[in-house]
Amino acid sequence: MLIDLKNIGENSNHKREIITKYNSTSYFYDNRYREIQESKYQIILYEYDLNGKLTLDLGCGTGLLIEYLTKFKNKNKNSLIFYVGLDFSLKMLLEFKSKINKLTYRNNLSLVLSDIENLPFRGNKFNTIFSITSFQNLDNINKAIIESCRVSKHNTDFNFSILKKKLNLEILLEFLSPFSEIKQTLSIHDLEDVVIQGKFLKVS
């Protein structure tokens, strides 16, 4: 596990409160949220191929996404996932770490303790980016999106889900439009999130 505490954002009281919340709920998070999160994965990952792609999971929490991928997607033995999970809650990552030995892709998996708004990666690195129900916890969603684009390659797929009640979708799509191609936005009646899927376009 790579620990990079310098990027947590020391001046944000809101962010510190969110970290404290997730640290305190980490031990029962899976029992409470697995079902609803897997409902989102089922929609987002429908006919989705991650074979051979370097994947970044922003706000990875306890690792529910990679668990889902291991169980239900890429069952072909030749499939290969390269996965980096990032979260700013140490205790959520420790829960994730406790599962790693059971995961098919454990040898291609890294965990990073850091802040989505200040990603500790070089540019032009990832092929696919996920953020499932994490952006609404941030001080600045736009900054997180800019950082996501910075670390992406040209035509990197992004898959974001954000709580409906904390999102102005029209404003966010307008912000994304100069450097992305939106494939679809989904607002599923039974889910609490809006799903935004598209590609980052890197202008040379």
N, C-alpha and C. Protein backbone atom coordinates (compact mmCIF):
# COMPACT_ATOMS: atom_id res chain seq x y z
N MET A 1 0.84 -1.19 0.00
CA MET A 1 0.00 0.00 0.00
C MET A 1 0.88 1.24 0.00
N LEU A 2 0.58 2.19 -0.88
CA LEU A 2 1.28 3.46 -0.93
C LEU A 2 0.51 4.47 -0.09
N ILE A 3 1.17 5.11 0.86
CA ILE A 3 0.53 6.10 1.71
C ILE A 3 1.08 7.48 1.36
N ASP A 4 0.19 8.42 1.08
CA ASP A 4 0.60 9.74 0.60
C ASP A 4 -0.22 10.81 1.32
N LEU A 5 -0.02 10.94 2.62
CA LEU A 5 -0.86 11.81 3.44
C LEU A 5 -0.75 13.29 3.09
N LYS A 6 0.31 13.69 2.44
CA LYS A 6 0.49 15.11 2.17
C LYS A 6 -0.58 15.69 1.26
N ASN A 7 -1.31 14.83 0.55
CA ASN A 7 -2.32 15.33 -0.38
C ASN A 7 -3.74 15.29 0.18
N ILE A 8 -3.90 15.09 1.48
CA ILE A 8 -5.25 14.99 2.03
C ILE A 8 -5.97 16.33 2.08
N GLY A 9 -5.27 17.43 2.23
CA GLY A 9 -5.94 18.72 2.27
C GLY A 9 -6.15 19.18 3.69
N GLU A 10 -5.10 19.66 4.32
CA GLU A 10 -5.11 19.93 5.75
C GLU A 10 -6.07 21.06 6.13
N ASN A 11 -6.39 21.95 5.21
CA ASN A 11 -7.18 23.12 5.56
C ASN A 11 -8.67 22.91 5.40
N SER A 12 -9.10 21.73 5.02
CA SER A 12 -10.52 21.48 4.78
C SER A 12 -11.16 20.78 5.97
N ASN A 13 -11.93 21.51 6.75
CA ASN A 13 -12.64 20.90 7.87
C ASN A 13 -13.68 19.91 7.37
N HIS A 14 -14.35 20.27 6.27
CA HIS A 14 -15.36 19.38 5.69
C HIS A 14 -14.74 18.04 5.32
N LYS A 15 -13.59 18.09 4.69
CA LYS A 15 -12.93 16.85 4.26
C LYS A 15 -12.51 16.01 5.46
N ARG A 16 -12.02 16.66 6.49
CA ARG A 16 -11.64 15.94 7.71
C ARG A 16 -12.85 15.26 8.34
N GLU A 17 -14.00 15.94 8.31
CA GLU A 17 -15.23 15.34 8.86
C GLU A 17 -15.63 14.10 8.07
N ILE A 18 -15.51 14.17 6.75
CA ILE A 18 -15.85 13.02 5.91
C ILE A 18 -14.91 11.86 6.18
N ILE A 19 -13.62 12.15 6.31
CA ILE A 19 -12.65 11.09 6.62
C ILE A 19 -12.99 10.42 7.94
N THR A 20 -13.30 11.22 8.95
CA THR A 20 -13.67 10.68 10.26
C THR A 20 -14.90 9.79 10.15
N LYS A 21 -15.87 10.24 9.37
CA LYS A 21 -17.10 9.46 9.18
C LYS A 21 -16.80 8.09 8.57
N TYR A 22 -16.02 8.08 7.50
CA TYR A 22 -15.74 6.81 6.84
C TYR A 22 -14.81 5.92 7.67
N ASN A 23 -13.89 6.52 8.39
CA ASN A 23 -13.06 5.72 9.29
C ASN A 23 -13.91 5.01 10.34
N SER A 24 -14.93 5.71 10.84
CA SER A 24 -15.75 5.14 11.92
C SER A 24 -16.77 4.12 11.42
N THR A 25 -17.10 4.15 10.11
CA THR A 25 -18.09 3.22 9.57
C THR A 25 -17.47 2.09 8.75
N SER A 26 -16.15 2.07 8.65
CA SER A 26 -15.48 1.13 7.75
C SER A 26 -15.79 -0.33 8.06
N TYR A 27 -15.93 -0.65 9.34
CA TYR A 27 -16.07 -2.06 9.72
C TYR A 27 -17.44 -2.64 9.37
N PHE A 28 -18.46 -1.78 9.18
CA PHE A 28 -19.76 -2.32 8.77
C PHE A 28 -20.21 -1.79 7.40
N TYR A 29 -19.31 -1.12 6.69
CA TYR A 29 -19.67 -0.50 5.41
C TYR A 29 -20.20 -1.53 4.40
N ASP A 30 -19.51 -2.65 4.26
CA ASP A 30 -19.92 -3.66 3.27
C ASP A 30 -21.32 -4.18 3.54
N ASN A 31 -21.61 -4.49 4.78
CA ASN A 31 -22.93 -5.02 5.12
C ASN A 31 -24.04 -4.03 4.81
N ARG A 32 -23.75 -2.76 4.99
CA ARG A 32 -24.79 -1.74 4.79
C ARG A 32 -24.94 -1.35 3.33
N TYR A 33 -23.84 -1.30 2.57
CA TYR A 33 -23.88 -0.68 1.25
C TYR A 33 -23.59 -1.61 0.08
N ARG A 34 -23.21 -2.85 0.32
CA ARG A 34 -22.84 -3.73 -0.80
C ARG A 34 -23.95 -3.86 -1.83
N GLU A 35 -25.16 -4.10 -1.40
CA GLU A 35 -26.26 -4.36 -2.34
C GLU A 35 -26.51 -3.15 -3.25
N ILE A 36 -26.58 -1.96 -2.67
CA ILE A 36 -26.85 -0.78 -3.49
C ILE A 36 -25.68 -0.46 -4.41
N GLN A 37 -24.45 -0.66 -3.94
CA GLN A 37 -23.29 -0.40 -4.79
C GLN A 37 -23.23 -1.39 -5.95
N GLU A 38 -23.53 -2.65 -5.69
CA GLU A 38 -23.50 -3.64 -6.77
C GLU A 38 -24.59 -3.38 -7.80
N SER A 39 -25.70 -2.77 -7.39
CA SER A 39 -26.73 -2.38 -8.35
C SER A 39 -26.19 -1.34 -9.33
N LYS A 40 -25.36 -0.44 -8.82
CA LYS A 40 -24.73 0.57 -9.69
C LYS A 40 -23.70 -0.07 -10.61
N TYR A 41 -22.89 -0.99 -10.07
CA TYR A 41 -21.87 -1.65 -10.89
C TYR A 41 -22.52 -2.41 -12.04
N GLN A 42 -23.65 -3.05 -11.76
CA GLN A 42 -24.33 -3.83 -12.78
C GLN A 42 -24.73 -2.95 -13.97
N ILE A 43 -25.16 -1.74 -13.68
CA ILE A 43 -25.55 -0.80 -14.74
C ILE A 43 -24.31 -0.25 -15.45
N ILE A 44 -23.34 0.20 -14.69
CA ILE A 44 -22.17 0.86 -15.26
C ILE A 44 -21.30 -0.11 -16.07
N LEU A 45 -21.20 -1.35 -15.61
CA LEU A 45 -20.29 -2.31 -16.22
C LEU A 45 -20.96 -3.22 -17.25
N TYR A 46 -22.18 -2.93 -17.62
CA TYR A 46 -22.89 -3.75 -18.60
C TYR A 46 -22.11 -3.75 -19.92
N GLU A 47 -21.70 -4.92 -20.37
CA GLU A 47 -20.93 -5.11 -21.60
C GLU A 47 -19.63 -4.29 -21.59
N TYR A 48 -19.05 -4.12 -20.44
CA TYR A 48 -17.83 -3.31 -20.30
C TYR A 48 -16.62 -4.24 -20.22
N ASP A 49 -15.57 -3.93 -20.99
CA ASP A 49 -14.38 -4.76 -21.04
C ASP A 49 -13.19 -4.01 -20.43
N LEU A 50 -12.63 -4.55 -19.35
CA LEU A 50 -11.47 -3.95 -18.70
C LEU A 50 -10.19 -4.73 -18.95
N ASN A 51 -10.24 -5.72 -19.82
CA ASN A 51 -9.08 -6.58 -20.06
C ASN A 51 -7.88 -5.76 -20.54
N GLY A 52 -6.77 -5.86 -19.80
CA GLY A 52 -5.53 -5.21 -20.19
C GLY A 52 -5.46 -3.72 -19.91
N LYS A 53 -6.48 -3.16 -19.29
CA LYS A 53 -6.52 -1.71 -19.05
C LYS A 53 -6.03 -1.37 -17.65
N LEU A 54 -5.32 -0.25 -17.55
CA LEU A 54 -4.92 0.28 -16.24
C LEU A 54 -6.08 1.11 -15.72
N THR A 55 -6.68 0.63 -14.64
CA THR A 55 -7.93 1.18 -14.12
C THR A 55 -7.70 1.89 -12.80
N LEU A 56 -8.26 3.11 -12.68
CA LEU A 56 -8.18 3.89 -11.45
C LEU A 56 -9.56 3.99 -10.84
N ASP A 57 -9.68 3.59 -9.58
CA ASP A 57 -10.95 3.63 -8.84
C ASP A 57 -10.84 4.71 -7.77
N LEU A 58 -11.46 5.86 -8.03
CA LEU A 58 -11.38 7.01 -7.12
C LEU A 58 -12.45 6.90 -6.04
N GLY A 59 -12.01 6.89 -4.78
CA GLY A 59 -12.94 6.65 -3.68
C GLY A 59 -13.28 5.18 -3.61
N CYS A 60 -12.25 4.35 -3.67
CA CYS A 60 -12.44 2.89 -3.78
C CYS A 60 -13.01 2.26 -2.52
N GLY A 61 -12.89 2.93 -1.38
CA GLY A 61 -13.45 2.41 -0.14
C GLY A 61 -12.88 1.06 0.24
N THR A 62 -13.77 0.12 0.52
CA THR A 62 -13.37 -1.21 0.98
C THR A 62 -13.14 -2.20 -0.16
N GLY A 63 -13.20 -1.72 -1.41
CA GLY A 63 -12.89 -2.59 -2.54
C GLY A 63 -14.07 -3.32 -3.14
N LEU A 64 -15.27 -2.78 -2.97
CA LEU A 64 -16.45 -3.47 -3.50
C LEU A 64 -16.43 -3.57 -5.02
N LEU A 65 -15.90 -2.56 -5.70
CA LEU A 65 -15.87 -2.61 -7.16
C LEU A 65 -14.99 -3.74 -7.67
N ILE A 66 -13.77 -3.86 -7.15
CA ILE A 66 -12.88 -4.92 -7.63
C ILE A 66 -13.39 -6.30 -7.21
N GLU A 67 -14.07 -6.39 -6.08
CA GLU A 67 -14.71 -7.66 -5.70
C GLU A 67 -15.77 -8.04 -6.73
N TYR A 68 -16.57 -7.06 -7.14
CA TYR A 68 -17.61 -7.31 -8.13
C TYR A 68 -16.99 -7.75 -9.46
N LEU A 69 -15.94 -7.06 -9.87
CA LEU A 69 -15.27 -7.43 -11.11
C LEU A 69 -14.73 -8.85 -11.06
N THR A 70 -14.19 -9.23 -9.91
CA THR A 70 -13.63 -10.57 -9.74
C THR A 70 -14.71 -11.64 -9.83
N LYS A 71 -15.87 -11.35 -9.26
CA LYS A 71 -16.93 -12.35 -9.20
C LYS A 71 -17.75 -12.44 -10.48
N PHE A 72 -18.05 -11.30 -11.09
CA PHE A 72 -19.07 -11.28 -12.12
C PHE A 72 -18.60 -10.84 -13.50
N LYS A 73 -17.44 -10.22 -13.59
CA LYS A 73 -16.96 -9.74 -14.87
C LYS A 73 -15.60 -10.37 -15.18
N ASN A 74 -15.23 -10.33 -16.46
CA ASN A 74 -13.91 -10.80 -16.90
C ASN A 74 -13.60 -12.21 -16.38
N LYS A 75 -14.55 -13.12 -16.53
CA LYS A 75 -14.35 -14.48 -16.02
C LYS A 75 -13.38 -15.29 -16.87
N ASN A 76 -13.13 -14.85 -18.09
CA ASN A 76 -12.16 -15.51 -18.94
C ASN A 76 -10.79 -15.51 -18.25
N LYS A 77 -10.17 -16.66 -18.14
CA LYS A 77 -8.91 -16.78 -17.41
C LYS A 77 -7.79 -15.94 -18.03
N ASN A 78 -7.94 -15.60 -19.32
CA ASN A 78 -6.92 -14.79 -19.97
C ASN A 78 -7.11 -13.30 -19.73
N SER A 79 -8.22 -12.93 -19.10
CA SER A 79 -8.48 -11.52 -18.82
C SER A 79 -7.49 -11.02 -17.78
N LEU A 80 -7.10 -9.77 -17.92
CA LEU A 80 -6.08 -9.21 -17.04
C LEU A 80 -6.49 -7.79 -16.68
N ILE A 81 -6.66 -7.55 -15.39
CA ILE A 81 -7.01 -6.22 -14.91
C ILE A 81 -5.83 -5.65 -14.13
N PHE A 82 -5.46 -4.41 -14.46
CA PHE A 82 -4.46 -3.67 -13.68
C PHE A 82 -5.22 -2.58 -12.93
N TYR A 83 -5.21 -2.63 -11.62
CA TYR A 83 -6.14 -1.82 -10.81
C TYR A 83 -5.39 -1.00 -9.77
N VAL A 84 -5.74 0.30 -9.69
CA VAL A 84 -5.26 1.17 -8.62
C VAL A 84 -6.49 1.74 -7.90
N GLY A 85 -6.57 1.48 -6.60
CA GLY A 85 -7.66 2.01 -5.79
C GLY A 85 -7.15 3.14 -4.92
N LEU A 86 -7.88 4.26 -4.90
CA LEU A 86 -7.48 5.43 -4.12
C LEU A 86 -8.61 5.87 -3.21
N ASP A 87 -8.27 6.17 -1.97
CA ASP A 87 -9.25 6.66 -1.01
C ASP A 87 -8.54 7.52 0.04
N PHE A 88 -9.29 8.42 0.69
CA PHE A 88 -8.66 9.23 1.74
C PHE A 88 -8.98 8.74 3.15
N SER A 89 -9.66 7.60 3.25
CA SER A 89 -9.92 6.98 4.55
C SER A 89 -8.98 5.80 4.76
N LEU A 90 -8.09 5.92 5.71
CA LEU A 90 -7.14 4.84 5.97
C LEU A 90 -7.85 3.57 6.40
N LYS A 91 -8.87 3.68 7.23
CA LYS A 91 -9.53 2.48 7.74
C LYS A 91 -10.33 1.77 6.66
N MET A 92 -10.87 2.51 5.71
CA MET A 92 -11.53 1.87 4.57
C MET A 92 -10.50 1.09 3.76
N LEU A 93 -9.33 1.68 3.55
CA LEU A 93 -8.28 0.98 2.79
C LEU A 93 -7.75 -0.23 3.54
N LEU A 94 -7.71 -0.16 4.86
CA LEU A 94 -7.27 -1.33 5.64
C LEU A 94 -8.28 -2.47 5.52
N GLU A 95 -9.58 -2.14 5.47
CA GLU A 95 -10.59 -3.16 5.21
C GLU A 95 -10.37 -3.78 3.83
N PHE A 96 -10.09 -2.94 2.85
CA PHE A 96 -9.80 -3.40 1.49
C PHE A 96 -8.57 -4.32 1.51
N LYS A 97 -7.51 -3.88 2.18
CA LYS A 97 -6.27 -4.66 2.21
C LYS A 97 -6.50 -6.04 2.79
N SER A 98 -7.40 -6.16 3.76
CA SER A 98 -7.66 -7.45 4.40
C SER A 98 -8.27 -8.46 3.44
N LYS A 99 -8.82 -7.98 2.31
CA LYS A 99 -9.47 -8.86 1.33
C LYS A 99 -8.54 -9.28 0.19
N ILE A 100 -7.41 -8.61 0.06
CA ILE A 100 -6.62 -8.71 -1.16
C ILE A 100 -6.21 -10.15 -1.49
N ASN A 101 -5.84 -10.93 -0.51
CA ASN A 101 -5.38 -12.29 -0.79
C ASN A 101 -6.45 -13.17 -1.42
N LYS A 102 -7.72 -12.76 -1.29
CA LYS A 102 -8.81 -13.54 -1.87
C LYS A 102 -9.13 -13.12 -3.30
N LEU A 103 -8.51 -12.05 -3.78
CA LEU A 103 -8.87 -11.50 -5.07
C LEU A 103 -8.03 -12.10 -6.20
N THR A 104 -8.67 -12.37 -7.32
CA THR A 104 -8.00 -12.95 -8.48
C THR A 104 -6.87 -12.06 -8.98
N TYR A 105 -7.07 -10.75 -8.93
CA TYR A 105 -6.13 -9.81 -9.54
C TYR A 105 -5.19 -9.18 -8.52
N ARG A 106 -4.96 -9.85 -7.40
CA ARG A 106 -4.19 -9.23 -6.31
C ARG A 106 -2.77 -8.84 -6.72
N ASN A 107 -2.17 -9.56 -7.67
CA ASN A 107 -0.79 -9.24 -8.07
C ASN A 107 -0.72 -7.99 -8.95
N ASN A 108 -1.86 -7.54 -9.46
CA ASN A 108 -1.91 -6.35 -10.30
C ASN A 108 -2.72 -5.24 -9.63
N LEU A 109 -2.67 -5.19 -8.31
CA LEU A 109 -3.52 -4.29 -7.55
C LEU A 109 -2.68 -3.44 -6.60
N SER A 110 -2.94 -2.13 -6.60
CA SER A 110 -2.26 -1.21 -5.69
C SER A 110 -3.29 -0.34 -4.99
N LEU A 111 -3.02 0.02 -3.74
CA LEU A 111 -3.89 0.90 -2.98
C LEU A 111 -3.13 2.16 -2.61
N VAL A 112 -3.82 3.30 -2.70
CA VAL A 112 -3.20 4.59 -2.45
C VAL A 112 -4.08 5.39 -1.48
N LEU A 113 -3.47 5.89 -0.42
CA LEU A 113 -4.14 6.79 0.51
C LEU A 113 -3.87 8.21 0.07
N SER A 114 -4.87 8.87 -0.50
CA SER A 114 -4.66 10.22 -1.00
C SER A 114 -6.01 10.87 -1.30
N ASP A 115 -5.94 12.06 -1.89
CA ASP A 115 -7.08 12.93 -2.10
C ASP A 115 -7.41 12.99 -3.59
N ILE A 116 -8.67 12.81 -3.93
CA ILE A 116 -9.09 12.83 -5.33
C ILE A 116 -8.81 14.18 -5.98
N GLU A 117 -8.83 15.25 -5.20
CA GLU A 117 -8.60 16.58 -5.75
C GLU A 117 -7.11 16.89 -5.97
N ASN A 118 -6.23 16.03 -5.48
CA ASN A 118 -4.78 16.21 -5.63
C ASN A 118 -4.13 14.85 -5.88
N LEU A 119 -4.35 14.31 -7.07
CA LEU A 119 -3.93 12.95 -7.35
C LEU A 119 -2.41 12.84 -7.44
N PRO A 120 -1.81 11.85 -6.77
CA PRO A 120 -0.35 11.71 -6.72
C PRO A 120 0.20 10.87 -7.87
N PHE A 121 -0.27 11.15 -9.10
CA PHE A 121 0.16 10.39 -10.27
C PHE A 121 0.63 11.34 -11.37
N ARG A 122 1.51 10.83 -12.21
CA ARG A 122 1.89 11.58 -13.41
C ARG A 122 0.74 11.61 -14.39
N GLY A 123 0.82 12.52 -15.34
CA GLY A 123 -0.23 12.63 -16.35
C GLY A 123 -0.19 11.51 -17.36
N ASN A 124 -1.31 11.36 -18.09
CA ASN A 124 -1.41 10.42 -19.21
C ASN A 124 -1.08 8.99 -18.80
N LYS A 125 -1.71 8.51 -17.75
CA LYS A 125 -1.35 7.21 -17.19
C LYS A 125 -2.45 6.15 -17.34
N PHE A 126 -3.71 6.51 -17.07
CA PHE A 126 -4.77 5.50 -16.92
C PHE A 126 -5.64 5.38 -18.17
N ASN A 127 -6.16 4.15 -18.38
CA ASN A 127 -7.06 3.87 -19.50
C ASN A 127 -8.53 3.97 -19.14
N THR A 128 -8.84 3.77 -17.87
CA THR A 128 -10.22 3.78 -17.40
C THR A 128 -10.27 4.36 -15.99
N ILE A 129 -11.27 5.21 -15.74
CA ILE A 129 -11.43 5.80 -14.42
C ILE A 129 -12.86 5.61 -13.94
N PHE A 130 -12.97 5.16 -12.69
CA PHE A 130 -14.26 5.04 -12.01
C PHE A 130 -14.28 5.94 -10.79
N SER A 131 -15.43 6.52 -10.51
CA SER A 131 -15.69 7.13 -9.21
C SER A 131 -17.16 6.90 -8.90
N ILE A 132 -17.41 6.00 -7.96
CA ILE A 132 -18.78 5.59 -7.66
C ILE A 132 -19.19 6.18 -6.31
N THR A 133 -20.08 7.16 -6.36
CA THR A 133 -20.65 7.80 -5.17
C THR A 133 -19.56 8.35 -4.25
N SER A 134 -18.64 9.10 -4.85
CA SER A 134 -17.56 9.72 -4.08
C SER A 134 -17.46 11.24 -4.27
N PHE A 135 -17.74 11.71 -5.48
CA PHE A 135 -17.50 13.12 -5.78
C PHE A 135 -18.29 14.08 -4.88
N GLN A 136 -19.47 13.67 -4.43
CA GLN A 136 -20.28 14.57 -3.60
C GLN A 136 -19.64 14.85 -2.25
N ASN A 137 -18.63 14.06 -1.87
CA ASN A 137 -17.93 14.27 -0.60
C ASN A 137 -16.81 15.31 -0.70
N LEU A 138 -16.55 15.80 -1.90
CA LEU A 138 -15.39 16.66 -2.12
C LEU A 138 -15.73 18.13 -1.93
N ASP A 139 -14.69 18.92 -1.69
CA ASP A 139 -14.86 20.37 -1.63
C ASP A 139 -15.10 20.95 -3.02
N ASN A 140 -14.47 20.36 -4.04
CA ASN A 140 -14.51 20.93 -5.38
C ASN A 140 -14.56 19.81 -6.42
N ILE A 141 -15.76 19.49 -6.90
CA ILE A 141 -15.92 18.42 -7.89
C ILE A 141 -15.17 18.75 -9.17
N ASN A 142 -15.23 20.01 -9.59
CA ASN A 142 -14.56 20.39 -10.84
C ASN A 142 -13.06 20.12 -10.78
N LYS A 143 -12.45 20.39 -9.64
CA LYS A 143 -11.02 20.13 -9.48
C LYS A 143 -10.73 18.64 -9.59
N ALA A 144 -11.61 17.82 -9.02
CA ALA A 144 -11.45 16.36 -9.11
C ALA A 144 -11.54 15.89 -10.55
N ILE A 145 -12.44 16.48 -11.32
CA ILE A 145 -12.58 16.10 -12.72
C ILE A 145 -11.36 16.53 -13.53
N ILE A 146 -10.84 17.72 -13.26
CA ILE A 146 -9.63 18.18 -13.94
C ILE A 146 -8.46 17.24 -13.63
N GLU A 147 -8.33 16.85 -12.37
CA GLU A 147 -7.28 15.92 -11.98
C GLU A 147 -7.47 14.56 -12.67
N SER A 148 -8.72 14.10 -12.75
CA SER A 148 -9.01 12.83 -13.43
C SER A 148 -8.59 12.89 -14.89
N CYS A 149 -8.89 14.02 -15.53
CA CYS A 149 -8.49 14.19 -16.93
C CYS A 149 -6.98 14.24 -17.07
N ARG A 150 -6.31 14.92 -16.16
CA ARG A 150 -4.85 15.05 -16.23
C ARG A 150 -4.15 13.70 -16.21
N VAL A 151 -4.61 12.78 -15.37
CA VAL A 151 -3.93 11.48 -15.24
C VAL A 151 -4.42 10.47 -16.28
N SER A 152 -5.35 10.88 -17.13
CA SER A 152 -5.91 9.99 -18.15
C SER A 152 -5.14 10.10 -19.46
N LYS A 153 -5.18 9.02 -20.21
CA LYS A 153 -4.69 9.06 -21.59
C LYS A 153 -5.80 9.61 -22.49
N HIS A 154 -5.45 9.92 -23.73
CA HIS A 154 -6.47 10.34 -24.70
C HIS A 154 -7.47 9.20 -24.91
N ASN A 155 -8.75 9.54 -24.89
CA ASN A 155 -9.84 8.59 -25.05
C ASN A 155 -10.01 7.65 -23.85
N THR A 156 -9.49 8.04 -22.71
CA THR A 156 -9.74 7.26 -21.49
C THR A 156 -11.23 7.29 -21.14
N ASP A 157 -11.79 6.13 -20.87
CA ASP A 157 -13.18 6.05 -20.42
C ASP A 157 -13.30 6.54 -18.99
N PHE A 158 -14.34 7.32 -18.72
CA PHE A 158 -14.66 7.64 -17.33
C PHE A 158 -16.09 7.24 -17.01
N ASN A 159 -16.27 6.82 -15.78
CA ASN A 159 -17.56 6.34 -15.29
C ASN A 159 -17.77 6.93 -13.90
N PHE A 160 -18.61 7.97 -13.83
CA PHE A 160 -18.84 8.66 -12.57
C PHE A 160 -20.29 8.46 -12.13
N SER A 161 -20.49 8.18 -10.85
CA SER A 161 -21.84 8.26 -10.30
C SER A 161 -21.80 9.20 -9.11
N ILE A 162 -22.81 10.08 -9.03
CA ILE A 162 -22.84 11.14 -8.03
C ILE A 162 -24.26 11.21 -7.47
N LEU A 163 -24.36 11.42 -6.17
CA LEU A 163 -25.68 11.53 -5.54
C LEU A 163 -26.52 12.62 -6.21
N LYS A 164 -27.74 12.27 -6.60
CA LYS A 164 -28.62 13.22 -7.29
C LYS A 164 -28.87 14.48 -6.47
N LYS A 165 -29.08 14.31 -5.18
CA LYS A 165 -29.49 15.45 -4.35
C LYS A 165 -28.38 16.47 -4.17
N LYS A 166 -27.14 16.10 -4.53
CA LYS A 166 -26.02 17.02 -4.38
C LYS A 166 -25.39 17.39 -5.72
N LEU A 167 -26.18 17.27 -6.79
CA LEU A 167 -25.62 17.47 -8.13
C LEU A 167 -26.51 18.37 -8.97
N ASN A 168 -25.89 19.37 -9.61
CA ASN A 168 -26.53 20.12 -10.69
C ASN A 168 -25.97 19.56 -11.99
N LEU A 169 -26.70 18.63 -12.58
CA LEU A 169 -26.20 17.88 -13.73
C LEU A 169 -25.89 18.79 -14.92
N GLU A 170 -26.75 19.75 -15.18
CA GLU A 170 -26.56 20.62 -16.33
C GLU A 170 -25.25 21.40 -16.22
N ILE A 171 -24.96 21.93 -15.05
CA ILE A 171 -23.72 22.69 -14.85
C ILE A 171 -22.50 21.78 -14.98
N LEU A 172 -22.59 20.57 -14.44
CA LEU A 172 -21.45 19.65 -14.52
C LEU A 172 -21.17 19.23 -15.96
N LEU A 173 -22.22 18.94 -16.72
CA LEU A 173 -22.02 18.55 -18.12
C LEU A 173 -21.45 19.70 -18.94
N GLU A 174 -21.86 20.92 -18.62
CA GLU A 174 -21.30 22.09 -19.30
C GLU A 174 -19.81 22.22 -18.99
N PHE A 175 -19.43 21.95 -17.75
CA PHE A 175 -18.02 22.01 -17.38
C PHE A 175 -17.21 20.94 -18.10
N LEU A 176 -17.77 19.74 -18.24
CA LEU A 176 -17.07 18.63 -18.88
C LEU A 176 -16.92 18.80 -20.39
N SER A 177 -17.81 19.54 -21.02
CA SER A 177 -17.94 19.52 -22.48
C SER A 177 -16.67 19.91 -23.25
N PRO A 178 -15.82 20.85 -22.78
CA PRO A 178 -14.65 21.21 -23.60
C PRO A 178 -13.59 20.12 -23.72
N PHE A 179 -13.56 19.18 -22.78
CA PHE A 179 -12.48 18.18 -22.80
C PHE A 179 -13.00 16.76 -22.65
N SER A 180 -14.24 16.54 -23.04
CA SER A 180 -14.78 15.18 -22.95
C SER A 180 -15.85 14.95 -24.00
N GLU A 181 -16.12 13.68 -24.20
CA GLU A 181 -17.25 13.26 -25.04
C GLU A 181 -18.17 12.43 -24.16
N ILE A 182 -19.37 12.92 -23.91
CA ILE A 182 -20.31 12.22 -23.05
C ILE A 182 -21.03 11.15 -23.86
N LYS A 183 -20.95 9.91 -23.39
CA LYS A 183 -21.66 8.81 -24.05
C LYS A 183 -23.11 8.76 -23.60
N GLN A 184 -23.30 8.82 -22.28
CA GLN A 184 -24.66 8.77 -21.75
C GLN A 184 -24.69 9.25 -20.31
N THR A 185 -25.86 9.75 -19.91
CA THR A 185 -26.15 10.03 -18.51
C THR A 185 -27.39 9.24 -18.14
N LEU A 186 -27.35 8.63 -16.98
CA LEU A 186 -28.44 7.77 -16.53
C LEU A 186 -28.90 8.22 -15.15
N SER A 187 -30.20 8.39 -15.02
CA SER A 187 -30.79 8.67 -13.71
C SER A 187 -31.82 7.57 -13.46
N ILE A 188 -31.39 6.55 -12.74
CA ILE A 188 -32.22 5.36 -12.52
C ILE A 188 -33.15 5.59 -11.33
N HIS A 189 -34.42 5.33 -11.53
CA HIS A 189 -35.42 5.64 -10.51
C HIS A 189 -35.10 5.01 -9.16
N ASP A 190 -34.64 3.77 -9.16
CA ASP A 190 -34.42 3.05 -7.90
C ASP A 190 -33.08 3.36 -7.25
N LEU A 191 -32.22 4.11 -7.95
CA LEU A 191 -30.90 4.41 -7.41
C LEU A 191 -30.80 5.87 -7.00
N GLU A 192 -29.91 6.15 -6.08
CA GLU A 192 -29.76 7.51 -5.55
C GLU A 192 -28.80 8.36 -6.36
N ASP A 193 -28.15 7.78 -7.36
CA ASP A 193 -27.10 8.46 -8.11
C ASP A 193 -27.52 8.78 -9.54
N VAL A 194 -26.84 9.77 -10.11
CA VAL A 194 -26.80 9.99 -11.55
C VAL A 194 -25.49 9.40 -12.07
N VAL A 195 -25.57 8.63 -13.15
CA VAL A 195 -24.38 8.02 -13.75
C VAL A 195 -24.00 8.81 -15.00
N ILE A 196 -22.73 9.18 -15.09
CA ILE A 196 -22.20 9.89 -16.26
C ILE A 196 -21.07 9.06 -16.84
N GLN A 197 -21.19 8.70 -18.11
CA GLN A 197 -20.17 7.89 -18.78
C GLN A 197 -19.70 8.61 -20.04
N GLY A 198 -18.38 8.60 -20.25
CA GLY A 198 -17.85 9.26 -21.42
C GLY A 198 -16.37 8.99 -21.61
N LYS A 199 -15.73 9.84 -22.42
CA LYS A 199 -14.29 9.74 -22.68
C LYS A 199 -13.65 11.10 -22.48
N PHE A 200 -12.45 11.10 -21.92
CA PHE A 200 -11.66 12.32 -21.85
C PHE A 200 -10.92 12.51 -23.17
N LEU A 201 -10.95 13.71 -23.70
CA LEU A 201 -10.28 14.04 -24.95
C LEU A 201 -9.12 14.96 -24.64
N LYS A 202 -7.90 14.51 -24.89
CA LYS A 202 -6.70 15.30 -24.59
C LYS A 202 -6.31 16.10 -25.83
N VAL A 203 -6.33 17.41 -25.71
CA VAL A 203 -5.98 18.29 -26.82
C VAL A 203 -4.47 18.47 -26.85
N SER A 204 -3.85 18.15 -27.98
CA SER A 204 -2.39 18.27 -28.09
C SER A 204 -1.98 19.70 -28.42
